[in-house]
Amino acid sequence: MKVNLELLSGPLDGSVFNFGNSVDIGRDNGCEVPIPVDKFISRRHARILVVEPECFLEDLGSTNGTFINDQRLQGRIVLQKGQTFRVGKTWMTIDW
């Protein structure tokens, strides 16, 4: 499965990350999806897990949370194609 993650806000608006495996999102440059410009994102903030045929989103204990539809994520959820979510202050959408 080829997954596309597009950033929808902030200085990195329009950036697209393509992957087929699980990825970490955070300010740390060691993350597969690094977003160092958003100070509301933790060094290792959230993870997208690819377990075909599904993608899951989980918060990694971040300070400012991961949100879907303005609801703070608790645990792990299944993402839908085209779903938008927020990590720190950065909005993003996922598709495959």
C-alpha atoms as a PDB file:
ATOM      1  CA  MET A   1       0.000   0.000   0.000  1.00  0.00           C
ATOM      2  CA  LYS A   2       1.349   3.436  -0.943  1.00  0.00           C
ATOM      3  CA  VAL A   3       0.303   6.096   1.562  1.00  0.00           C
ATOM      4  CA  ASN A   4       0.378   9.856   0.880  1.00  0.00           C
ATOM      5  CA  LEU A   5       0.431  12.313   3.769  1.00  0.00           C
ATOM      6  CA  GLU A   6      -0.034  15.978   2.805  1.00  0.00           C
ATOM      7  CA  LEU A   7       0.521  18.914   5.158  1.00  0.00           C
ATOM      8  CA  LEU A   8      -2.312  21.436   4.873  1.00  0.00           C
ATOM      9  CA  SER A   9      -1.131  24.326   7.038  1.00  0.00           C
ATOM     10  CA  GLY A  10       1.892  26.262   8.218  1.00  0.00           C
ATOM     11  CA  PRO A  11       5.178  26.947   6.430  1.00  0.00           C
ATOM     12  CA  LEU A  12       5.306  23.370   5.091  1.00  0.00           C
ATOM     13  CA  ASP A  13       1.809  23.617   3.546  1.00  0.00           C
ATOM     14  CA  GLY A  14       1.655  21.450   0.426  1.00  0.00           C
ATOM     15  CA  SER A  15       4.522  19.146   1.436  1.00  0.00           C
ATOM     16  CA  VAL A  16       3.727  15.515   0.646  1.00  0.00           C
ATOM     17  CA  PHE A  17       5.294  12.457   2.268  1.00  0.00           C
ATOM     18  CA  ASN A  18       4.939   9.062   0.574  1.00  0.00           C
ATOM     19  CA  PHE A  19       5.481   5.833   2.457  1.00  0.00           C
ATOM     20  CA  GLY A  20       4.421   2.210   2.634  1.00  0.00           C
ATOM     21  CA  ASN A  21       5.441   1.402   6.189  1.00  0.00           C
ATOM     22  CA  SER A  22       4.756   2.929   9.568  1.00  0.00           C
ATOM     23  CA  VAL A  23       6.136   6.439  10.169  1.00  0.00           C
ATOM     24  CA  ASP A  24       6.700   8.747  13.117  1.00  0.00           C
ATOM     25  CA  ILE A  25       5.668  12.402  12.985  1.00  0.00           C
ATOM     26  CA  GLY A  26       7.518  14.969  15.108  1.00  0.00           C
ATOM     27  CA  ARG A  27       9.965  17.860  15.383  1.00  0.00           C
ATOM     28  CA  ASP A  28      12.955  15.499  15.594  1.00  0.00           C
ATOM     29  CA  ASN A  29      14.873  15.218  12.306  1.00  0.00           C
ATOM     30  CA  GLY A  30      15.026  11.452  12.911  1.00  0.00           C
ATOM     31  CA  CYS A  31      11.276  11.182  12.302  1.00  0.00           C
ATOM     32  CA  GLU A  32      10.178   9.989   8.882  1.00  0.00           C
ATOM     33  CA  VAL A  33       7.827  12.998   8.785  1.00  0.00           C
ATOM     34  CA  PRO A  34       9.839  15.819  10.396  1.00  0.00           C
ATOM     35  CA  ILE A  35       7.973  19.068  11.137  1.00  0.00           C
ATOM     36  CA  PRO A  36      10.532  21.184  13.007  1.00  0.00           C
ATOM     37  CA  VAL A  37       8.711  24.489  12.389  1.00  0.00           C
ATOM     38  CA  ASP A  38       5.668  23.690  14.589  1.00  0.00           C
ATOM     39  CA  LYS A  39       6.708  24.279  18.209  1.00  0.00           C
ATOM     40  CA  PHE A  40       3.448  22.654  19.397  1.00  0.00           C
ATOM     41  CA  ILE A  41       4.632  19.295  18.043  1.00  0.00           C
ATOM     42  CA  SER A  42       6.661  17.046  20.345  1.00  0.00           C
ATOM     43  CA  ARG A  43       9.977  15.572  19.218  1.00  0.00           C
ATOM     44  CA  ARG A  44       8.165  12.249  18.594  1.00  0.00           C
ATOM     45  CA  HIS A  45       4.514  13.224  18.541  1.00  0.00           C
ATOM     46  CA  ALA A  46       2.414  10.671  16.635  1.00  0.00           C
ATOM     47  CA  ARG A  47       2.713   7.508  14.565  1.00  0.00           C
ATOM     48  CA  ILE A  48       0.903   6.254  11.493  1.00  0.00           C
ATOM     49  CA  LEU A  49       0.882   2.460  11.419  1.00  0.00           C
ATOM     50  CA  VAL A  50       0.301   0.738   8.099  1.00  0.00           C
ATOM     51  CA  VAL A  51      -1.257  -2.690   8.596  1.00  0.00           C
ATOM     52  CA  GLU A  52      -2.823  -3.491   5.242  1.00  0.00           C
ATOM     53  CA  PRO A  53      -5.542  -2.892   4.394  1.00  0.00           C
ATOM     54  CA  GLU A  54      -5.752  -0.218   7.130  1.00  0.00           C
ATOM     55  CA  CYS A  55      -3.812   2.756   8.475  1.00  0.00           C
ATOM     56  CA  PHE A  56      -3.908   3.623  12.150  1.00  0.00           C
ATOM     57  CA  LEU A  57      -3.069   6.897  13.900  1.00  0.00           C
ATOM     58  CA  GLU A  58      -1.776   6.974  17.459  1.00  0.00           C
ATOM     59  CA  ASP A  59      -0.478   9.715  19.715  1.00  0.00           C
ATOM     60  CA  LEU A  60       2.915   8.953  21.294  1.00  0.00           C
ATOM     61  CA  GLY A  61       2.213  10.739  24.578  1.00  0.00           C
ATOM     62  CA  SER A  62       2.607  14.227  23.151  1.00  0.00           C
ATOM     63  CA  THR A  63       2.107  17.298  25.312  1.00  0.00           C
ATOM     64  CA  ASN A  64      -0.286  19.147  22.970  1.00  0.00           C
ATOM     65  CA  GLY A  65      -2.163  16.176  21.552  1.00  0.00           C
ATOM     66  CA  THR A  66      -3.304  14.763  18.234  1.00  0.00           C
ATOM     67  CA  PHE A  67      -6.814  15.684  17.098  1.00  0.00           C
ATOM     68  CA  ILE A  68      -9.461  14.372  14.722  1.00  0.00           C
ATOM     69  CA  ASN A  69     -12.524  16.612  14.279  1.00  0.00           C
ATOM     70  CA  ASP A  70     -11.403  18.671  17.314  1.00  0.00           C
ATOM     71  CA  GLN A  71     -11.503  15.535  19.490  1.00  0.00           C
ATOM     72  CA  ARG A  72      -8.241  14.669  21.231  1.00  0.00           C
ATOM     73  CA  LEU A  73      -7.073  11.215  20.221  1.00  0.00           C
ATOM     74  CA  GLN A  74      -7.031   8.598  22.946  1.00  0.00           C
ATOM     75  CA  GLY A  75      -5.196   5.413  21.998  1.00  0.00           C
ATOM     76  CA  ARG A  76      -5.165   4.275  18.383  1.00  0.00           C
ATOM     77  CA  ILE A  77      -7.804   4.810  15.686  1.00  0.00           C
ATOM     78  CA  VAL A  78      -8.337   3.616  12.136  1.00  0.00           C
ATOM     79  CA  LEU A  79      -7.891   6.389   9.562  1.00  0.00           C
ATOM     80  CA  GLN A  80     -10.213   6.707   6.585  1.00  0.00           C
ATOM     81  CA  LYS A  81      -9.048   7.635   3.083  1.00  0.00           C
ATOM     82  CA  GLY A  82      -9.024  11.421   2.732  1.00  0.00           C
ATOM     83  CA  GLN A  83      -9.317  12.007   6.475  1.00  0.00           C
ATOM     84  CA  THR A  84      -7.845  15.187   7.953  1.00  0.00           C
ATOM     85  CA  PHE A  85      -6.309  15.434  11.391  1.00  0.00           C
ATOM     86  CA  ARG A  86      -4.156  17.827  13.416  1.00  0.00           C
ATOM     87  CA  VAL A  87      -0.783  17.228  15.054  1.00  0.00           C
ATOM     88  CA  GLY A  88       0.204  20.219  17.185  1.00  0.00           C
ATOM     89  CA  LYS A  89      -1.003  23.179  15.092  1.00  0.00           C
ATOM     90  CA  THR A  90      -0.384  21.432  11.747  1.00  0.00           C
ATOM     91  CA  TRP A  91      -3.317  20.030   9.761  1.00  0.00           C
ATOM     92  CA  MET A  92      -2.707  17.105   7.434  1.00  0.00           C
ATOM     93  CA  THR A  93      -4.642  14.663   5.255  1.00  0.00           C
ATOM     94  CA  ILE A  94      -3.979  11.050   4.371  1.00  0.00           C
ATOM     95  CA  ASP A  95      -4.803   9.048   1.268  1.00  0.00           C
ATOM     96  CA  TRP A  96      -3.818   5.757  -0.339  1.00  0.00           C
END
